[in-house]
């Protein structure tokens, strides 16, 4: 068994697609109509047959409430792994990404948290 798709709620699919592909560097895998919205998935450029990240519109009231509450509490919606968090932090800062937590060592893990501009906090980590 393996995870093939995981999702993250976003306030605006077009804005999220731009941020996740152009700023973060994910590769668009699927972009197909799904009613009034789209089924948009992204993958890591290093593993294009790996787990897909679905950028899902937060149109359901429960999704909006969930997204807002975890954001307000400072809880990341998901985590992405990097081989060098400090290098990625610097690269993203140069692109204007706003961090809520700078690279911080927590035992064997170094992590940082940023605002994805689409209603989520995202954690990046290095083991």
Protein backbone atom coordinates (compact mmCIF):
# COMPACT_ATOMS: atom_id res chain seq x y z
CA UNK A 1 0.00 0.00 0.00
CA UNK A 2 1.17 3.56 -0.66
CA UNK A 3 -0.22 7.08 -0.61
CA UNK A 4 -0.93 8.17 -4.18
CA UNK A 5 -2.73 11.51 -3.61
CA UNK A 6 -2.87 13.84 -0.64
CA UNK A 7 -4.72 17.13 -0.62
CA UNK A 8 -4.44 20.60 0.77
CA UNK A 9 -7.29 23.10 0.90
CA UNK A 10 -6.64 26.38 -0.90
CA UNK A 11 -8.61 29.61 -1.21
CA UNK A 12 -7.83 30.09 -4.90
CA UNK A 13 -6.71 27.26 -7.19
CA UNK A 14 -5.03 29.52 -9.76
CA UNK A 15 -3.05 31.39 -7.11
CA UNK A 16 -2.10 28.08 -5.45
CA UNK A 17 -1.01 26.56 -8.77
CA UNK A 18 1.23 29.55 -9.40
CA UNK A 19 2.73 29.51 -5.89
CA UNK A 20 3.27 25.78 -5.67
CA UNK A 21 4.74 25.47 -9.16
CA UNK A 22 6.60 28.74 -9.73
CA UNK A 23 7.71 29.53 -6.18
CA UNK A 24 8.07 26.10 -4.61
CA UNK A 25 9.04 24.23 -7.79
CA UNK A 26 6.43 21.48 -7.93
CA UNK A 27 5.48 20.14 -11.38
CA UNK A 28 1.86 20.14 -12.55
CA UNK A 29 0.75 16.56 -13.17
CA UNK A 30 -3.00 16.89 -13.75
CA UNK A 31 -5.28 19.82 -14.46
CA UNK A 32 -8.73 18.73 -15.55
CA UNK A 33 -12.22 20.24 -15.15
CA UNK A 34 -14.17 18.95 -12.15
CA UNK A 35 -17.51 20.74 -12.11
CA UNK A 36 -17.03 24.42 -11.40
CA UNK A 37 -13.48 23.78 -10.19
CA UNK A 38 -10.51 21.71 -11.41
CA UNK A 39 -8.67 18.58 -10.34
CA UNK A 40 -5.15 19.98 -10.10
CA UNK A 41 -2.32 17.84 -8.81
CA UNK A 42 1.36 18.57 -8.48
CA UNK A 43 4.36 16.33 -7.95
CA UNK A 44 7.94 16.70 -6.86
CA UNK A 45 10.28 17.36 -9.80
CA UNK A 46 12.50 14.62 -8.31
CA UNK A 47 9.70 12.02 -8.17
CA UNK A 48 7.17 12.73 -10.91
CA UNK A 49 5.58 9.29 -10.50
CA UNK A 50 5.33 9.74 -6.72
CA UNK A 51 2.63 11.07 -4.44
CA UNK A 52 0.47 13.78 -6.01
CA UNK A 53 -0.52 16.91 -4.08
CA UNK A 54 -4.11 17.91 -4.85
CA UNK A 55 -4.80 21.63 -4.47
CA UNK A 56 -8.41 21.44 -3.44
CA UNK A 57 -10.78 24.43 -3.24
CA UNK A 58 -11.99 25.11 0.30
CA UNK A 59 -15.57 25.78 -0.76
CA UNK A 60 -17.22 23.52 1.83
CA UNK A 61 -17.91 25.35 5.13
CA UNK A 62 -16.16 22.59 7.10
CA UNK A 63 -13.06 22.92 4.90
CA UNK A 64 -13.00 26.70 5.37
CA UNK A 65 -13.39 26.38 9.13
CA UNK A 66 -10.72 23.67 9.38
CA UNK A 67 -8.27 25.63 7.26
CA UNK A 68 -8.82 28.86 9.21
CA UNK A 69 -8.59 27.23 12.63
CA UNK A 70 -5.34 25.37 12.05
CA UNK A 71 -3.82 28.46 10.40
CA UNK A 72 -4.86 30.67 13.34
CA UNK A 73 -3.37 28.14 15.78
CA UNK A 74 -0.08 28.10 13.84
CA UNK A 75 -0.46 24.46 12.80
CA UNK A 76 1.07 23.52 9.43
CA UNK A 77 -1.34 21.90 6.97
CA UNK A 78 1.39 19.61 5.63
CA UNK A 79 5.14 19.06 5.54
CA UNK A 80 7.62 18.85 2.68
CA UNK A 81 11.07 17.31 3.01
CA UNK A 82 14.29 18.90 1.80
CA UNK A 83 17.91 17.85 1.97
CA UNK A 84 18.91 21.37 3.13
CA UNK A 85 16.28 23.43 4.92
CA UNK A 86 18.63 26.40 5.38
CA UNK A 87 19.27 26.56 1.63
CA UNK A 88 15.55 26.29 0.82
CA UNK A 89 14.72 28.91 3.47
CA UNK A 90 17.17 31.34 1.87
CA UNK A 91 15.85 30.62 -1.64
CA UNK A 92 12.22 31.16 -0.58
CA UNK A 93 13.04 34.29 1.44
CA UNK A 94 14.65 35.75 -1.70
CA UNK A 95 11.33 35.14 -3.48
CA UNK A 96 9.40 37.02 -0.79
CA UNK A 97 7.95 34.02 1.05
CA UNK A 98 6.96 34.91 4.62
CA UNK A 99 8.13 32.52 7.32
CA UNK A 100 6.48 32.17 10.74
CA UNK A 101 9.31 29.97 12.03
CA UNK A 102 12.90 30.30 10.83
CA UNK A 103 15.01 27.13 10.48
CA UNK A 104 15.04 25.55 13.93
CA UNK A 105 16.76 22.39 15.10
CA UNK A 106 14.49 20.00 16.99
CA UNK A 107 16.54 16.97 17.87
CA UNK A 108 17.58 15.29 14.62
CA UNK A 109 15.21 17.41 12.52
CA UNK A 110 15.61 20.97 11.26
CA UNK A 111 12.32 22.63 10.35
CA UNK A 112 10.85 25.95 9.25
CA UNK A 113 7.28 27.10 8.60
CA UNK A 114 5.99 29.50 5.94
CA UNK A 115 2.70 31.00 4.75
CA UNK A 116 1.69 29.65 1.32
CA UNK A 117 -0.46 32.76 0.60
CA UNK A 118 -3.44 30.42 0.01
CA UNK A 119 -4.61 30.01 3.61
CA UNK A 120 -2.05 27.50 4.89
CA UNK A 121 1.09 27.23 6.89
CA UNK A 122 3.55 24.75 5.39
CA UNK A 123 6.38 23.10 7.27
CA UNK A 124 9.62 22.18 5.57
CA UNK A 125 11.90 19.67 7.27
CA UNK A 126 15.31 18.07 6.97
CA UNK A 127 16.33 14.90 8.81
